[in-house]
Amino acid sequence: MNLIFKLKSCLAISLLAIMGITLASCDEGESYSDLLKEEQKVSNWFLAQHRVCNEIPADSVFEVGPDAPYYRLDDDGYVYMQVLNAGDGEIPAAGDQVYFTFTRYNIETMYKDKTLDIAGEGNQDDFLASVGNTYFIYQNFSVTSSAQFGSGIQMPVSYLGYNSEVNILLKSYYGFSNENTTCIPFLVNTRYFKAEY
């Protein structure tokens, strides 16, 4: 009985210590909830500079071009797309390899610097090399080639198909898997291509 009491006491003390460390770390920096609120504020700032459509057109005919609206692609507002080129309309089948190029722009940096002219990071600078190297398996997130880019990068091709080009406002929740907890939204210019066998 004494041993059980000692174990319970040690467990209780350990839990209190862990809670204390956790609470202390929250005081030193922003909580995850605070980061999500900041991401929402930054995303709203970006969208306020553009037209926004909260629904996909019933006939799936999108406005196209640099002045086209940003269409909300998910119910929670994590992904918006602006169609720059509607593509050929051939939607990939589940399991197809879809090659893509992208350039990402950190919207939080845009917000803080009050500019939209930010150098991006991505693979569009070396277009010919990147098309053969960057792909996802459409609707299959169990493989690394798809999971690493998150589900948001696949959403536009579901509506437009191959040879399309879009700007995607991509919040961290549906973004690149190694950045899901950073709470930084990105503007991702993306082009999609069919695998040539």
N, C-alpha and C. Protein backbone atom coordinates (compact mmCIF):
# COMPACT_ATOMS: atom_id res chain seq x y z
N MET A 1 0.82 -1.19 0.00
CA MET A 1 0.00 0.00 0.00
C MET A 1 0.86 1.25 0.00
N ASN A 2 1.93 1.23 0.77
CA ASN A 2 2.84 2.36 0.86
C ASN A 2 3.52 2.62 -0.49
N LEU A 3 3.87 1.54 -1.21
CA LEU A 3 4.52 1.66 -2.52
C LEU A 3 3.56 2.31 -3.53
N ILE A 4 2.29 1.91 -3.49
CA ILE A 4 1.30 2.50 -4.41
C ILE A 4 1.14 3.99 -4.13
N PHE A 5 1.10 4.36 -2.84
CA PHE A 5 0.98 5.76 -2.47
C PHE A 5 2.17 6.56 -2.98
N LYS A 6 3.39 5.99 -2.85
CA LYS A 6 4.60 6.68 -3.31
C LYS A 6 4.56 6.85 -4.84
N LEU A 7 4.12 5.82 -5.56
CA LEU A 7 4.04 5.90 -7.02
C LEU A 7 3.03 6.97 -7.45
N LYS A 8 1.88 6.99 -6.78
CA LYS A 8 0.88 8.01 -7.11
C LYS A 8 1.40 9.40 -6.79
N SER A 9 2.11 9.55 -5.70
CA SER A 9 2.68 10.85 -5.33
C SER A 9 3.70 11.30 -6.36
N CYS A 10 4.58 10.37 -6.77
CA CYS A 10 5.59 10.71 -7.79
C CYS A 10 4.93 11.10 -9.11
N LEU A 11 3.88 10.36 -9.47
CA LEU A 11 3.17 10.66 -10.70
C LEU A 11 2.52 12.04 -10.62
N ALA A 12 1.89 12.34 -9.50
CA ALA A 12 1.24 13.64 -9.32
C ALA A 12 2.25 14.77 -9.37
N ILE A 13 3.39 14.59 -8.72
CA ILE A 13 4.44 15.63 -8.72
C ILE A 13 4.98 15.82 -10.14
N SER A 14 5.18 14.71 -10.86
CA SER A 14 5.67 14.80 -12.24
C SER A 14 4.69 15.55 -13.12
N LEU A 15 3.39 15.24 -12.98
CA LEU A 15 2.38 15.94 -13.77
C LEU A 15 2.35 17.43 -13.46
N LEU A 16 2.46 17.77 -12.18
CA LEU A 16 2.49 19.19 -11.80
C LEU A 16 3.71 19.89 -12.39
N ALA A 17 4.85 19.21 -12.37
CA ALA A 17 6.07 19.80 -12.94
C ALA A 17 5.91 20.03 -14.44
N ILE A 18 5.33 19.05 -15.13
CA ILE A 18 5.13 19.18 -16.58
C ILE A 18 4.16 20.32 -16.87
N MET A 19 3.09 20.40 -16.09
CA MET A 19 2.13 21.50 -16.29
C MET A 19 2.79 22.85 -16.04
N GLY A 20 3.64 22.92 -15.02
CA GLY A 20 4.34 24.18 -14.73
C GLY A 20 5.25 24.59 -15.86
N ILE A 21 5.98 23.63 -16.41
CA ILE A 21 6.87 23.93 -17.54
C ILE A 21 6.06 24.38 -18.74
N THR A 22 4.94 23.68 -19.00
CA THR A 22 4.08 24.03 -20.13
C THR A 22 3.52 25.44 -19.98
N LEU A 23 3.01 25.76 -18.79
CA LEU A 23 2.46 27.09 -18.57
C LEU A 23 3.53 28.16 -18.66
N ALA A 24 4.72 27.86 -18.16
CA ALA A 24 5.81 28.84 -18.24
C ALA A 24 6.20 29.09 -19.69
N SER A 25 6.22 28.04 -20.51
CA SER A 25 6.60 28.23 -21.91
C SER A 25 5.54 29.02 -22.66
N CYS A 26 4.26 28.88 -22.29
CA CYS A 26 3.21 29.66 -22.93
C CYS A 26 3.34 31.14 -22.60
N ASP A 27 3.80 31.44 -21.38
CA ASP A 27 3.96 32.83 -21.00
C ASP A 27 5.09 33.50 -21.77
N GLU A 28 6.11 32.73 -22.16
CA GLU A 28 7.27 33.29 -22.84
C GLU A 28 6.99 33.61 -24.30
N GLY A 29 6.08 32.89 -24.94
CA GLY A 29 5.81 33.11 -26.36
C GLY A 29 4.32 33.04 -26.62
N GLU A 30 3.97 33.12 -27.89
CA GLU A 30 2.57 33.06 -28.26
C GLU A 30 2.07 31.63 -28.20
N SER A 31 0.84 31.46 -27.82
CA SER A 31 0.23 30.13 -27.82
C SER A 31 -0.14 29.77 -29.26
N TYR A 32 -0.43 28.51 -29.48
CA TYR A 32 -0.85 28.06 -30.80
C TYR A 32 -2.13 28.78 -31.22
N SER A 33 -3.02 28.99 -30.28
CA SER A 33 -4.26 29.71 -30.55
C SER A 33 -3.98 31.14 -31.01
N ASP A 34 -3.01 31.79 -30.36
CA ASP A 34 -2.63 33.15 -30.76
C ASP A 34 -2.05 33.15 -32.17
N LEU A 35 -1.23 32.14 -32.48
CA LEU A 35 -0.63 32.04 -33.81
C LEU A 35 -1.71 31.85 -34.88
N LEU A 36 -2.72 31.03 -34.57
CA LEU A 36 -3.81 30.83 -35.52
C LEU A 36 -4.59 32.12 -35.75
N LYS A 37 -4.81 32.89 -34.69
CA LYS A 37 -5.50 34.18 -34.84
C LYS A 37 -4.70 35.14 -35.71
N GLU A 38 -3.38 35.13 -35.53
CA GLU A 38 -2.52 35.99 -36.35
C GLU A 38 -2.56 35.54 -37.81
N GLU A 39 -2.54 34.22 -38.04
CA GLU A 39 -2.62 33.71 -39.40
C GLU A 39 -3.94 34.14 -40.05
N GLN A 40 -5.02 34.09 -39.30
CA GLN A 40 -6.32 34.52 -39.83
C GLN A 40 -6.30 36.01 -40.17
N LYS A 41 -5.72 36.82 -39.29
CA LYS A 41 -5.64 38.27 -39.53
C LYS A 41 -4.83 38.57 -40.79
N VAL A 42 -3.69 37.90 -40.93
CA VAL A 42 -2.82 38.12 -42.10
C VAL A 42 -3.53 37.67 -43.38
N SER A 43 -4.20 36.52 -43.32
CA SER A 43 -4.93 36.02 -44.49
C SER A 43 -6.06 36.96 -44.88
N ASN A 44 -6.78 37.46 -43.88
CA ASN A 44 -7.86 38.41 -44.15
C ASN A 44 -7.32 39.69 -44.78
N TRP A 45 -6.17 40.15 -44.30
CA TRP A 45 -5.53 41.34 -44.88
C TRP A 45 -5.27 41.11 -46.37
N PHE A 46 -4.72 39.93 -46.71
CA PHE A 46 -4.43 39.64 -48.11
C PHE A 46 -5.71 39.58 -48.94
N LEU A 47 -6.70 38.86 -48.44
CA LEU A 47 -7.95 38.70 -49.20
C LEU A 47 -8.70 40.01 -49.35
N ALA A 48 -8.55 40.93 -48.40
CA ALA A 48 -9.23 42.22 -48.47
C ALA A 48 -8.76 43.04 -49.67
N GLN A 49 -7.62 42.69 -50.24
CA GLN A 49 -7.09 43.41 -51.40
C GLN A 49 -7.57 42.82 -52.73
N HIS A 50 -8.42 41.79 -52.64
CA HIS A 50 -8.89 41.09 -53.84
C HIS A 50 -10.38 40.83 -53.71
N ARG A 51 -10.98 40.51 -54.84
CA ARG A 51 -12.36 40.03 -54.79
C ARG A 51 -12.34 38.58 -54.29
N VAL A 52 -13.36 38.21 -53.54
CA VAL A 52 -13.43 36.86 -52.97
C VAL A 52 -14.80 36.28 -53.27
N CYS A 53 -14.83 35.04 -53.73
CA CYS A 53 -16.08 34.30 -53.92
C CYS A 53 -16.05 33.13 -52.93
N ASN A 54 -17.07 33.07 -52.11
CA ASN A 54 -17.11 32.03 -51.09
C ASN A 54 -17.67 30.70 -51.59
N GLU A 55 -18.04 30.65 -52.87
CA GLU A 55 -18.54 29.41 -53.44
C GLU A 55 -17.94 29.19 -54.82
N ILE A 56 -17.82 27.93 -55.18
CA ILE A 56 -17.38 27.55 -56.53
C ILE A 56 -18.56 27.78 -57.47
N PRO A 57 -18.34 28.32 -58.67
CA PRO A 57 -19.45 28.51 -59.61
C PRO A 57 -20.17 27.18 -59.87
N ALA A 58 -21.48 27.23 -59.91
CA ALA A 58 -22.28 26.01 -60.10
C ALA A 58 -21.91 25.29 -61.39
N ASP A 59 -21.57 26.05 -62.42
CA ASP A 59 -21.20 25.43 -63.70
C ASP A 59 -19.70 25.18 -63.81
N SER A 60 -18.97 25.45 -62.73
CA SER A 60 -17.51 25.29 -62.68
C SER A 60 -16.77 26.11 -63.74
N VAL A 61 -17.40 27.18 -64.20
CA VAL A 61 -16.74 28.11 -65.11
C VAL A 61 -16.22 29.27 -64.27
N PHE A 62 -14.90 29.32 -64.14
CA PHE A 62 -14.25 30.30 -63.28
C PHE A 62 -13.84 31.52 -64.08
N GLU A 63 -13.86 32.68 -63.42
CA GLU A 63 -13.22 33.86 -64.01
C GLU A 63 -11.73 33.58 -64.04
N VAL A 64 -11.07 34.06 -65.09
CA VAL A 64 -9.65 33.76 -65.29
C VAL A 64 -8.87 35.05 -65.46
N GLY A 65 -7.66 35.08 -64.91
CA GLY A 65 -6.76 36.20 -65.11
C GLY A 65 -6.29 36.81 -63.79
N PRO A 66 -5.39 37.77 -63.89
CA PRO A 66 -4.81 38.37 -62.68
C PRO A 66 -5.79 39.19 -61.86
N ASP A 67 -6.95 39.53 -62.43
CA ASP A 67 -7.98 40.25 -61.69
C ASP A 67 -9.14 39.35 -61.29
N ALA A 68 -9.00 38.05 -61.53
CA ALA A 68 -10.05 37.10 -61.16
C ALA A 68 -10.17 37.04 -59.64
N PRO A 69 -11.34 36.66 -59.14
CA PRO A 69 -11.50 36.56 -57.68
C PRO A 69 -10.77 35.34 -57.11
N TYR A 70 -10.62 35.35 -55.82
CA TYR A 70 -10.13 34.18 -55.09
C TYR A 70 -11.35 33.38 -54.65
N TYR A 71 -11.42 32.13 -55.12
CA TYR A 71 -12.52 31.24 -54.79
C TYR A 71 -12.16 30.41 -53.56
N ARG A 72 -13.07 30.36 -52.60
CA ARG A 72 -12.84 29.52 -51.42
C ARG A 72 -13.06 28.06 -51.81
N LEU A 73 -12.09 27.19 -51.50
CA LEU A 73 -12.17 25.80 -51.92
C LEU A 73 -12.59 24.83 -50.82
N ASP A 74 -12.57 25.28 -49.58
CA ASP A 74 -12.98 24.39 -48.49
C ASP A 74 -13.94 25.13 -47.57
N ASP A 75 -14.69 24.37 -46.80
CA ASP A 75 -15.72 24.96 -45.94
C ASP A 75 -15.15 25.87 -44.86
N ASP A 76 -13.94 25.59 -44.40
CA ASP A 76 -13.36 26.35 -43.29
C ASP A 76 -12.53 27.55 -43.72
N GLY A 77 -12.34 27.74 -45.03
CA GLY A 77 -11.61 28.90 -45.51
C GLY A 77 -10.09 28.79 -45.34
N TYR A 78 -9.55 27.59 -45.45
CA TYR A 78 -8.10 27.40 -45.37
C TYR A 78 -7.43 27.53 -46.73
N VAL A 79 -8.19 27.36 -47.81
CA VAL A 79 -7.62 27.37 -49.16
C VAL A 79 -8.49 28.20 -50.09
N TYR A 80 -7.87 29.15 -50.78
CA TYR A 80 -8.53 29.98 -51.79
C TYR A 80 -7.69 29.91 -53.07
N MET A 81 -8.35 29.93 -54.22
CA MET A 81 -7.57 29.93 -55.47
C MET A 81 -8.05 31.02 -56.40
N GLN A 82 -7.07 31.60 -57.08
CA GLN A 82 -7.32 32.55 -58.17
C GLN A 82 -6.86 31.85 -59.44
N VAL A 83 -7.73 31.74 -60.42
CA VAL A 83 -7.42 31.01 -61.65
C VAL A 83 -6.74 31.94 -62.64
N LEU A 84 -5.50 31.61 -63.01
CA LEU A 84 -4.77 32.38 -64.01
C LEU A 84 -4.88 31.75 -65.39
N ASN A 85 -4.99 30.41 -65.43
CA ASN A 85 -5.17 29.67 -66.68
C ASN A 85 -6.04 28.47 -66.33
N ALA A 86 -7.18 28.33 -67.01
CA ALA A 86 -8.14 27.27 -66.67
C ALA A 86 -7.70 25.89 -67.10
N GLY A 87 -6.63 25.77 -67.87
CA GLY A 87 -6.14 24.45 -68.27
C GLY A 87 -6.99 23.80 -69.33
N ASP A 88 -6.80 22.48 -69.48
CA ASP A 88 -7.50 21.76 -70.55
C ASP A 88 -8.74 21.02 -70.06
N GLY A 89 -9.04 21.09 -68.77
CA GLY A 89 -10.25 20.47 -68.25
C GLY A 89 -10.14 18.99 -67.97
N GLU A 90 -8.99 18.38 -68.29
CA GLU A 90 -8.82 16.94 -68.03
C GLU A 90 -8.41 16.76 -66.57
N ILE A 91 -9.35 16.29 -65.76
CA ILE A 91 -9.12 16.09 -64.34
C ILE A 91 -8.38 14.77 -64.15
N PRO A 92 -7.33 14.76 -63.32
CA PRO A 92 -6.63 13.49 -63.10
C PRO A 92 -7.52 12.49 -62.37
N ALA A 93 -7.23 11.21 -62.59
CA ALA A 93 -7.92 10.15 -61.86
C ALA A 93 -7.18 9.89 -60.55
N ALA A 94 -7.88 9.39 -59.57
CA ALA A 94 -7.24 9.05 -58.30
C ALA A 94 -6.07 8.11 -58.57
N GLY A 95 -4.91 8.42 -57.99
CA GLY A 95 -3.72 7.60 -58.17
C GLY A 95 -2.80 8.08 -59.28
N ASP A 96 -3.23 9.05 -60.10
CA ASP A 96 -2.37 9.58 -61.16
C ASP A 96 -1.26 10.44 -60.56
N GLN A 97 -0.10 10.42 -61.22
CA GLN A 97 0.98 11.34 -60.87
C GLN A 97 0.67 12.68 -61.52
N VAL A 98 0.65 13.72 -60.71
CA VAL A 98 0.44 15.07 -61.24
C VAL A 98 1.70 15.86 -60.94
N TYR A 99 2.37 16.30 -62.00
CA TYR A 99 3.58 17.11 -61.84
C TYR A 99 3.18 18.57 -61.69
N PHE A 100 3.96 19.31 -60.92
CA PHE A 100 3.63 20.70 -60.74
C PHE A 100 4.88 21.52 -60.45
N THR A 101 4.78 22.79 -60.77
CA THR A 101 5.81 23.76 -60.40
C THR A 101 5.15 24.76 -59.47
N PHE A 102 5.94 25.39 -58.63
CA PHE A 102 5.35 26.34 -57.70
C PHE A 102 6.38 27.38 -57.29
N THR A 103 5.87 28.54 -56.93
CA THR A 103 6.64 29.59 -56.27
C THR A 103 5.80 30.04 -55.09
N ARG A 104 6.42 30.09 -53.91
CA ARG A 104 5.67 30.47 -52.71
C ARG A 104 6.08 31.85 -52.23
N TYR A 105 5.09 32.58 -51.73
CA TYR A 105 5.31 33.90 -51.16
C TYR A 105 4.74 33.91 -49.74
N ASN A 106 5.54 34.30 -48.80
CA ASN A 106 5.13 34.33 -47.40
C ASN A 106 4.22 35.54 -47.18
N ILE A 107 2.94 35.29 -46.93
CA ILE A 107 1.98 36.38 -46.79
C ILE A 107 2.22 37.16 -45.50
N GLU A 108 2.71 36.50 -44.48
CA GLU A 108 3.02 37.22 -43.23
C GLU A 108 4.10 38.27 -43.46
N THR A 109 5.10 37.92 -44.27
CA THR A 109 6.15 38.89 -44.61
C THR A 109 5.57 40.04 -45.43
N MET A 110 4.67 39.71 -46.36
CA MET A 110 4.01 40.76 -47.13
C MET A 110 3.27 41.71 -46.20
N TYR A 111 2.56 41.15 -45.24
CA TYR A 111 1.78 41.94 -44.29
C TYR A 111 2.67 42.87 -43.46
N LYS A 112 3.75 42.32 -42.95
CA LYS A 112 4.63 43.12 -42.09
C LYS A 112 5.38 44.18 -42.88
N ASP A 113 5.80 43.86 -44.11
CA ASP A 113 6.54 44.81 -44.94
C ASP A 113 5.63 45.70 -45.77
N LYS A 114 4.33 45.41 -45.76
CA LYS A 114 3.33 46.17 -46.51
C LYS A 114 3.66 46.24 -48.00
N THR A 115 4.05 45.10 -48.54
CA THR A 115 4.36 45.02 -49.96
C THR A 115 3.92 43.68 -50.51
N LEU A 116 3.57 43.63 -51.77
CA LEU A 116 3.23 42.36 -52.42
C LEU A 116 4.36 41.88 -53.31
N ASP A 117 5.43 42.63 -53.39
CA ASP A 117 6.55 42.28 -54.26
C ASP A 117 7.63 41.59 -53.44
N ILE A 118 7.40 40.31 -53.15
CA ILE A 118 8.32 39.54 -52.32
C ILE A 118 8.90 38.41 -53.16
N ALA A 119 10.20 38.23 -53.11
CA ALA A 119 10.82 37.11 -53.82
C ALA A 119 10.34 35.80 -53.22
N GLY A 120 9.97 34.87 -54.06
CA GLY A 120 9.42 33.60 -53.59
C GLY A 120 10.45 32.52 -53.48
N GLU A 121 10.00 31.40 -52.95
CA GLU A 121 10.82 30.20 -52.91
C GLU A 121 10.01 29.10 -53.56
N GLY A 122 10.65 28.24 -54.31
CA GLY A 122 9.92 27.19 -54.99
C GLY A 122 10.78 26.55 -56.04
N ASN A 123 10.17 26.03 -57.07
CA ASN A 123 10.92 25.32 -58.09
C ASN A 123 10.63 25.82 -59.49
N GLN A 124 10.06 27.00 -59.67
CA GLN A 124 9.74 27.47 -61.02
C GLN A 124 10.94 28.06 -61.74
N ASP A 125 12.00 28.40 -61.02
CA ASP A 125 13.16 28.97 -61.70
C ASP A 125 13.82 27.97 -62.63
N ASP A 126 13.79 26.71 -62.26
CA ASP A 126 14.38 25.66 -63.09
C ASP A 126 13.25 24.78 -63.60
N PHE A 127 12.43 25.36 -64.48
CA PHE A 127 11.18 24.74 -64.90
C PHE A 127 11.38 23.34 -65.47
N LEU A 128 12.28 23.17 -66.42
CA LEU A 128 12.42 21.87 -67.08
C LEU A 128 12.87 20.79 -66.11
N ALA A 129 13.78 21.12 -65.22
CA ALA A 129 14.25 20.13 -64.25
C ALA A 129 13.17 19.83 -63.21
N SER A 130 12.45 20.85 -62.80
CA SER A 130 11.50 20.65 -61.70
C SER A 130 10.27 19.85 -62.11
N VAL A 131 9.84 19.95 -63.36
CA VAL A 131 8.64 19.23 -63.78
C VAL A 131 8.85 17.73 -63.63
N GLY A 132 10.04 17.27 -63.82
CA GLY A 132 10.31 15.84 -63.67
C GLY A 132 10.54 15.42 -62.23
N ASN A 133 10.64 16.35 -61.32
CA ASN A 133 11.00 16.01 -59.95
C ASN A 133 9.90 16.27 -58.93
N THR A 134 8.99 17.16 -59.19
CA THR A 134 8.00 17.53 -58.19
C THR A 134 6.63 17.06 -58.64
N TYR A 135 6.07 16.14 -57.88
CA TYR A 135 4.76 15.62 -58.21
C TYR A 135 4.07 15.13 -56.95
N PHE A 136 2.76 14.94 -57.07
CA PHE A 136 2.01 14.26 -56.02
C PHE A 136 1.18 13.17 -56.68
N ILE A 137 0.76 12.22 -55.87
CA ILE A 137 -0.14 11.17 -56.33
C ILE A 137 -1.54 11.66 -55.97
N TYR A 138 -2.33 11.94 -56.98
CA TYR A 138 -3.63 12.57 -56.79
C TYR A 138 -4.51 11.77 -55.84
N GLN A 139 -4.98 12.43 -54.79
CA GLN A 139 -5.88 11.89 -53.77
C GLN A 139 -5.27 10.75 -52.96
N ASN A 140 -3.96 10.63 -52.93
CA ASN A 140 -3.30 9.60 -52.11
C ASN A 140 -2.29 10.29 -51.20
N PHE A 141 -2.66 10.42 -49.93
CA PHE A 141 -1.79 11.11 -48.98
C PHE A 141 -1.00 10.14 -48.11
N SER A 142 -1.05 8.85 -48.45
CA SER A 142 -0.28 7.87 -47.67
C SER A 142 1.16 7.77 -48.17
N VAL A 143 1.46 8.39 -49.30
CA VAL A 143 2.83 8.37 -49.83
C VAL A 143 3.49 9.72 -49.59
N THR A 144 4.78 9.70 -49.34
CA THR A 144 5.52 10.92 -48.99
C THR A 144 5.43 11.97 -50.08
N SER A 145 5.46 11.56 -51.35
CA SER A 145 5.44 12.52 -52.45
C SER A 145 4.17 13.37 -52.44
N SER A 146 3.10 12.87 -51.85
CA SER A 146 1.87 13.64 -51.73
C SER A 146 1.75 14.31 -50.37
N ALA A 147 2.01 13.55 -49.33
CA ALA A 147 1.82 14.05 -47.96
C ALA A 147 2.68 15.27 -47.66
N GLN A 148 3.91 15.30 -48.21
CA GLN A 148 4.82 16.40 -47.88
C GLN A 148 4.30 17.77 -48.35
N PHE A 149 3.45 17.79 -49.37
CA PHE A 149 2.93 19.06 -49.90
C PHE A 149 1.57 19.43 -49.30
N GLY A 150 0.97 18.55 -48.52
CA GLY A 150 -0.33 18.82 -47.93
C GLY A 150 -1.45 18.68 -48.94
N SER A 151 -2.66 18.73 -48.46
CA SER A 151 -3.82 18.51 -49.34
C SER A 151 -4.22 19.75 -50.12
N GLY A 152 -3.88 20.94 -49.64
CA GLY A 152 -4.30 22.17 -50.30
C GLY A 152 -3.75 22.33 -51.70
N ILE A 153 -2.55 21.83 -51.94
CA ILE A 153 -1.91 21.99 -53.25
C ILE A 153 -2.66 21.19 -54.32
N GLN A 154 -3.38 20.14 -53.91
CA GLN A 154 -4.11 19.30 -54.86
C GLN A 154 -5.50 19.84 -55.20
N MET A 155 -6.05 20.66 -54.36
CA MET A 155 -7.46 21.08 -54.54
C MET A 155 -7.76 21.73 -55.89
N PRO A 156 -6.94 22.67 -56.38
CA PRO A 156 -7.29 23.32 -57.65
C PRO A 156 -7.39 22.37 -58.84
N VAL A 157 -6.52 21.36 -58.90
CA VAL A 157 -6.54 20.46 -60.06
C VAL A 157 -7.83 19.64 -60.09
N SER A 158 -8.52 19.54 -58.97
CA SER A 158 -9.81 18.83 -58.92
C SER A 158 -10.88 19.56 -59.73
N TYR A 159 -10.71 20.87 -59.89
CA TYR A 159 -11.68 21.68 -60.62
C TYR A 159 -11.22 22.03 -62.03
N LEU A 160 -9.91 22.17 -62.22
CA LEU A 160 -9.39 22.72 -63.47
C LEU A 160 -8.69 21.70 -64.35
N GLY A 161 -8.04 20.73 -63.75
CA GLY A 161 -7.32 19.74 -64.52
C GLY A 161 -5.92 20.17 -64.89
N TYR A 162 -5.36 19.44 -65.84
CA TYR A 162 -3.98 19.65 -66.25
C TYR A 162 -3.80 20.95 -67.02
N ASN A 163 -2.56 21.42 -67.06
CA ASN A 163 -2.14 22.62 -67.78
C ASN A 163 -2.80 23.89 -67.24
N SER A 164 -3.26 23.83 -66.01
CA SER A 164 -3.84 25.02 -65.39
C SER A 164 -2.78 25.72 -64.55
N GLU A 165 -3.04 26.98 -64.26
CA GLU A 165 -2.16 27.77 -63.39
C GLU A 165 -3.03 28.57 -62.43
N VAL A 166 -2.67 28.54 -61.17
CA VAL A 166 -3.45 29.23 -60.15
C VAL A 166 -2.53 29.91 -59.14
N ASN A 167 -3.09 30.89 -58.46
CA ASN A 167 -2.51 31.40 -57.23
C ASN A 167 -3.36 30.82 -56.11
N ILE A 168 -2.72 30.23 -55.13
CA ILE A 168 -3.44 29.62 -54.01
C ILE A 168 -3.06 30.34 -52.73
N LEU A 169 -4.05 30.82 -52.00
CA LEU A 169 -3.81 31.25 -50.63
C LEU A 169 -3.94 29.97 -49.81
N LEU A 170 -2.84 29.58 -49.18
CA LEU A 170 -2.77 28.29 -48.50
C LEU A 170 -2.40 28.50 -47.04
N LYS A 171 -3.37 28.28 -46.17
CA LYS A 171 -3.09 28.38 -44.74
C LYS A 171 -2.37 27.11 -44.28
N SER A 172 -1.69 27.22 -43.17
CA SER A 172 -0.79 26.15 -42.72
C SER A 172 -1.49 24.81 -42.51
N TYR A 173 -2.75 24.81 -42.12
CA TYR A 173 -3.47 23.57 -41.82
C TYR A 173 -3.47 22.63 -43.02
N TYR A 174 -3.64 23.16 -44.24
CA TYR A 174 -3.62 22.35 -45.46
C TYR A 174 -2.32 22.53 -46.25
N GLY A 175 -1.33 23.17 -45.64
CA GLY A 175 -0.08 23.46 -46.32
C GLY A 175 0.93 22.34 -46.25
N PHE A 176 2.17 22.67 -46.53
CA PHE A 176 3.26 21.70 -46.54
C PHE A 176 3.36 21.06 -45.15
N SER A 177 3.52 19.75 -45.11
CA SER A 177 3.42 19.01 -43.85
C SER A 177 4.44 19.45 -42.80
N ASN A 178 5.62 19.88 -43.22
CA ASN A 178 6.62 20.29 -42.24
C ASN A 178 6.36 21.68 -41.68
N GLU A 179 5.28 22.32 -42.15
CA GLU A 179 4.95 23.67 -41.69
C GLU A 179 3.54 23.78 -41.11
N ASN A 180 2.90 22.65 -40.83
CA ASN A 180 1.51 22.67 -40.35
C ASN A 180 1.33 23.46 -39.07
N THR A 181 2.33 23.50 -38.21
CA THR A 181 2.17 24.19 -36.93
C THR A 181 2.80 25.58 -36.91
N THR A 182 3.31 26.04 -38.04
CA THR A 182 3.94 27.37 -38.06
C THR A 182 2.92 28.50 -38.12
N CYS A 183 1.73 28.19 -38.60
CA CYS A 183 0.65 29.18 -38.71
C CYS A 183 1.05 30.36 -39.58
N ILE A 184 1.72 30.07 -40.69
CA ILE A 184 2.09 31.10 -41.66
C ILE A 184 1.39 30.79 -42.97
N PRO A 185 0.57 31.71 -43.47
CA PRO A 185 -0.08 31.48 -44.75
C PRO A 185 0.86 31.83 -45.91
N PHE A 186 0.72 31.10 -46.99
CA PHE A 186 1.52 31.34 -48.19
C PHE A 186 0.63 31.59 -49.38
N LEU A 187 1.10 32.41 -50.30
CA LEU A 187 0.53 32.53 -51.62
C LEU A 187 1.40 31.64 -52.51
N VAL A 188 0.78 30.66 -53.16
CA VAL A 188 1.54 29.69 -53.94
C VAL A 188 1.08 29.76 -55.39
N ASN A 189 1.95 30.23 -56.27
CA ASN A 189 1.67 30.21 -57.70
C ASN A 189 2.01 28.81 -58.18
N THR A 190 1.03 28.10 -58.76
CA THR A 190 1.20 26.68 -59.09
C THR A 190 0.71 26.39 -60.50
N ARG A 191 1.48 25.54 -61.21
CA ARG A 191 1.08 25.05 -62.53
C ARG A 191 1.10 23.52 -62.49
N TYR A 192 0.10 22.90 -63.11
CA TYR A 192 -0.07 21.44 -63.05
C TYR A 192 0.11 20.82 -64.43
N PHE A 193 0.77 19.65 -64.46
CA PHE A 193 1.07 18.98 -65.73
C PHE A 193 0.82 17.49 -65.62
N LYS A 194 0.48 16.90 -66.74
CA LYS A 194 0.23 15.45 -66.82
C LYS A 194 1.56 14.72 -67.02
N ALA A 195 1.68 13.59 -66.38
CA ALA A 195 2.87 12.74 -66.57
C ALA A 195 2.87 12.21 -68.00
N GLU A 196 3.99 12.33 -68.66
CA GLU A 196 4.12 11.82 -70.03
C GLU A 196 4.88 10.49 -69.98
N TYR A 197 4.22 9.41 -70.39
CA TYR A 197 4.86 8.10 -70.35
C TYR A 197 5.28 7.67 -71.73
